[in-house]
Amino acid sequence: MAWIVLIVFYPLVAACAGTSKPDTDREMRGMGFVVVYELAGTATPKEGVAAISDTGYRLFGPSILNHQNGGVNTIGGGSKISFPRWVDVTWREGTTPGSRWETGTVVGNYRIDVLSRIPREVFDYAKKHGALRLQFRIKDDGVLFAWDVQISGGGRFYYAMHGGDFPCDPLPHLPHPVCTTGPLEEAPWFNPNWVGGKR
């Protein structure tokens, strides 16, 4: 009887063991991911911005953040940098040029949960298809957070499994969308020739 039970439950155990969502500190280290940060549409410029992860790594930190100078940081796989469980985002007022992060007064201070909010299936999809992308959009009264899987193909990036506090960005100048909330290969506008089809 014990032998039969083992046969029945083995696939479930194997499936759990093979998940891509990190849990331990060791699993969090060296994953690789992309960070995008920008000012929200109606927000005023921010001084001394700092985004610090739970391990103390600065994910981004422009001295002045305005509508023209958001950025993208890529954390390569195999690095010693850990995937963030959470990120503290702060900014200041009344700072001094050259000392934006040390002077003035902290007027924005928000902790953003990252790991717990991203579904397990997003990590599984990223492991097979691309890089997990973390997006931070700073408002006057908070920080919006979203995620997706960045996939390269045909000279541009496509984004799958999008979720979070804001939807896929509309790109009316393109002939078709490049972002979807589900798997890329299931999007009605997707052409397998763009990225070589399913992997």
Protein backbone atom coordinates (compact mmCIF):
# COMPACT_ATOMS: atom_id res chain seq x y z
CA MET A 1 0.00 0.00 0.00
CA ALA A 2 2.83 2.41 0.86
CA TRP A 3 4.40 1.77 -2.54
CA ILE A 4 1.13 2.66 -4.31
CA VAL A 5 0.79 5.94 -2.37
CA LEU A 6 4.32 6.92 -3.37
CA ILE A 7 3.52 6.40 -7.04
CA VAL A 8 0.36 8.50 -6.77
CA PHE A 9 1.96 11.48 -5.04
CA TYR A 10 5.38 11.57 -6.70
CA PRO A 11 4.34 13.83 -9.63
CA LEU A 12 2.99 16.41 -7.18
CA VAL A 13 6.21 16.42 -5.17
CA ALA A 14 8.31 16.65 -8.32
CA ALA A 15 6.25 19.56 -9.61
CA CYS A 16 6.71 21.50 -6.35
CA ALA A 17 10.45 20.83 -6.35
CA GLY A 18 10.81 22.12 -9.90
CA THR A 19 9.23 25.54 -9.40
CA SER A 20 11.19 28.63 -10.39
CA LYS A 21 9.95 30.98 -7.65
CA PRO A 22 12.82 31.56 -5.22
CA ASP A 23 12.36 31.03 -1.50
CA THR A 24 15.71 30.74 0.23
CA ASP A 25 18.46 33.37 0.25
CA ARG A 26 20.57 31.06 -1.90
CA GLU A 27 17.82 30.79 -4.53
CA MET A 28 17.36 34.56 -4.54
CA ARG A 29 21.01 35.20 -5.38
CA GLY A 30 22.14 35.43 -8.99
CA MET A 31 18.71 35.10 -10.65
CA GLY A 32 19.09 38.08 -12.96
CA PHE A 33 16.30 40.58 -13.62
CA VAL A 34 15.53 43.95 -15.18
CA VAL A 35 14.52 47.09 -13.25
CA VAL A 36 12.59 49.95 -14.87
CA TYR A 37 11.92 53.19 -12.98
CA GLU A 38 10.10 56.35 -14.00
CA LEU A 39 8.01 59.23 -12.77
CA ALA A 40 4.24 58.78 -12.99
CA GLY A 41 2.42 60.94 -15.51
CA THR A 42 1.24 63.77 -13.24
CA ALA A 43 3.93 63.56 -10.55
CA THR A 44 6.35 66.39 -9.81
CA PRO A 45 10.14 65.85 -10.09
CA LYS A 46 11.75 64.05 -7.15
CA GLU A 47 15.13 64.77 -5.49
CA GLY A 48 17.52 62.26 -3.96
CA VAL A 49 15.60 59.17 -5.03
CA ALA A 50 16.85 55.88 -3.59
CA ALA A 51 15.44 52.37 -4.04
CA ILE A 52 17.11 49.95 -1.61
CA SER A 53 16.34 46.22 -1.52
CA ASP A 54 16.05 44.06 1.60
CA THR A 55 19.70 43.01 1.13
CA GLY A 56 20.90 46.62 0.95
CA TYR A 57 21.44 46.80 -2.82
CA ARG A 58 20.51 50.06 -4.56
CA LEU A 59 18.28 49.12 -7.50
CA PHE A 60 18.12 52.71 -8.73
CA GLY A 61 18.91 56.16 -7.37
CA PRO A 62 18.75 59.23 -9.63
CA SER A 63 19.75 62.49 -7.94
CA ILE A 64 16.80 64.13 -9.73
CA LEU A 65 13.97 62.11 -11.29
CA ASN A 66 11.82 63.89 -13.86
CA HIS A 67 9.71 62.91 -16.85
CA GLN A 68 12.72 62.77 -19.18
CA ASN A 69 15.22 60.69 -17.23
CA GLY A 70 13.68 57.45 -16.03
CA GLY A 71 15.92 54.47 -16.58
CA VAL A 72 16.52 50.74 -16.99
CA ASN A 73 19.00 48.68 -14.99
CA THR A 74 19.84 45.09 -15.89
CA ILE A 75 21.05 42.71 -13.18
CA GLY A 76 22.85 39.86 -14.91
CA GLY A 77 22.22 36.23 -14.02
CA GLY A 78 25.03 34.69 -12.01
CA SER A 79 25.79 37.92 -10.15
CA LYS A 80 25.89 38.02 -6.35
CA ILE A 81 22.95 40.43 -6.28
CA SER A 82 19.79 38.92 -4.79
CA PHE A 83 16.28 39.17 -6.16
CA PRO A 84 14.42 41.57 -3.83
CA ARG A 85 11.86 40.43 -1.31
CA TRP A 86 10.93 44.09 -0.90
CA VAL A 87 12.26 47.52 -1.89
CA ASP A 88 12.26 50.75 0.15
CA VAL A 89 11.79 53.78 -2.12
CA THR A 90 12.53 57.23 -0.69
CA TRP A 91 12.93 60.79 -1.97
CA ARG A 92 13.69 64.19 -0.50
CA GLU A 93 13.02 67.92 -0.68
CA GLY A 94 15.39 70.85 -0.17
CA THR A 95 18.54 68.95 -1.11
CA THR A 96 21.94 70.37 -2.01
CA PRO A 97 23.50 69.67 -5.44
CA GLY A 98 26.24 67.09 -5.03
CA SER A 99 24.66 65.74 -1.84
CA ARG A 100 21.13 64.93 -2.96
CA TRP A 101 20.88 61.69 -0.93
CA GLU A 102 22.27 63.11 2.33
CA THR A 103 20.74 66.58 2.58
CA GLY A 104 17.22 67.95 2.77
CA THR A 105 14.22 66.20 4.28
CA VAL A 106 12.80 62.77 3.42
CA VAL A 107 9.22 63.39 2.24
CA GLY A 108 8.51 60.07 0.50
CA ASN A 109 9.19 56.72 2.15
CA TYR A 110 7.45 53.59 0.86
CA ARG A 111 8.15 49.86 1.22
CA ILE A 112 7.14 47.90 -1.88
CA ASP A 113 6.57 44.16 -1.53
CA VAL A 114 8.07 42.45 -4.58
CA LEU A 115 8.57 38.70 -4.20
CA SER A 116 5.27 37.98 -2.43
CA ARG A 117 3.22 39.82 -5.07
CA ILE A 118 4.56 38.09 -8.16
CA PRO A 119 2.73 34.81 -8.94
CA ARG A 120 4.70 31.58 -9.11
CA GLU A 121 3.73 31.01 -12.75
CA VAL A 122 5.47 34.25 -13.75
CA PHE A 123 8.78 32.93 -12.41
CA ASP A 124 8.20 29.61 -14.17
CA TYR A 125 7.54 31.38 -17.47
CA ALA A 126 10.58 33.64 -17.09
CA LYS A 127 12.85 30.65 -16.49
CA LYS A 128 11.94 29.27 -19.93
CA HIS A 129 11.37 32.40 -22.00
CA GLY A 130 13.13 35.55 -20.81
CA ALA A 131 13.98 37.89 -17.95
CA LEU A 132 11.71 39.01 -15.15
CA ARG A 133 11.13 42.78 -15.37
CA LEU A 134 10.28 44.88 -12.30
CA GLN A 135 8.68 48.27 -12.97
CA PHE A 136 8.51 51.10 -10.42
CA ARG A 137 6.40 54.17 -11.19
CA ILE A 138 6.79 56.99 -8.66
CA LYS A 139 3.83 59.21 -7.81
CA ASP A 140 3.60 62.19 -5.45
CA ASP A 141 1.88 60.02 -2.84
CA GLY A 142 3.30 56.55 -3.40
CA VAL A 143 4.95 54.04 -5.72
CA LEU A 144 3.19 51.81 -8.24
CA PHE A 145 4.72 48.40 -8.93
CA ALA A 146 4.22 46.05 -11.87
CA TRP A 147 6.02 43.07 -13.39
CA ASP A 148 6.25 41.01 -16.56
CA VAL A 149 8.62 38.76 -18.50
CA GLN A 150 10.83 40.52 -21.07
CA ILE A 151 11.41 38.48 -24.24
CA SER A 152 13.78 39.48 -27.03
CA GLY A 153 12.93 38.89 -30.68
CA GLY A 154 12.97 40.54 -34.08
CA GLY A 155 14.94 43.57 -32.94
CA ARG A 156 12.58 44.53 -30.11
CA PHE A 157 11.33 43.37 -26.73
CA TYR A 158 7.98 41.73 -26.03
CA TYR A 159 6.41 41.46 -22.58
CA ALA A 160 4.33 38.57 -21.26
CA MET A 161 2.55 37.69 -18.00
CA HIS A 162 2.10 41.36 -17.10
CA GLY A 163 0.55 42.15 -13.73
CA GLY A 164 0.59 44.67 -10.90
CA ASP A 165 -0.63 48.19 -10.21
CA PHE A 166 -0.88 49.43 -13.79
CA PRO A 167 -1.68 47.81 -17.16
CA CYS A 168 0.52 47.29 -20.19
CA ASP A 169 1.54 50.61 -21.70
CA PRO A 170 -0.35 51.40 -24.94
CA LEU A 171 2.00 51.99 -27.87
CA PRO A 172 -0.22 53.41 -30.63
CA HIS A 173 2.74 54.11 -32.92
CA LEU A 174 3.38 50.36 -33.33
CA PRO A 175 1.41 48.17 -35.78
CA HIS A 176 0.53 45.67 -33.01
CA PRO A 177 0.81 45.36 -29.20
CA VAL A 178 4.00 44.12 -27.57
CA CYS A 179 2.63 43.34 -24.10
CA THR A 180 0.10 40.83 -22.79
CA THR A 181 -1.16 39.62 -19.42
CA GLY A 182 -0.77 35.96 -20.38
CA PRO A 183 1.82 33.83 -22.17
CA LEU A 184 3.15 35.58 -25.27
CA GLU A 185 2.36 32.64 -27.56
CA GLU A 186 -1.33 32.86 -26.58
CA ALA A 187 -1.75 36.54 -27.49
CA PRO A 188 -4.08 36.89 -30.54
CA TRP A 189 -1.65 39.29 -32.25
CA PHE A 190 1.45 37.14 -31.68
CA ASN A 191 3.45 35.77 -34.62
CA PRO A 192 5.76 32.85 -33.67
CA ASN A 193 8.29 34.03 -36.25
CA TRP A 194 9.01 37.13 -34.14
CA VAL A 195 10.75 35.22 -31.35
CA GLY A 196 11.12 31.74 -32.76
CA GLY A 197 7.84 30.40 -31.41
CA LYS A 198 7.42 28.34 -28.28
CA ARG A 199 10.53 27.21 -26.47
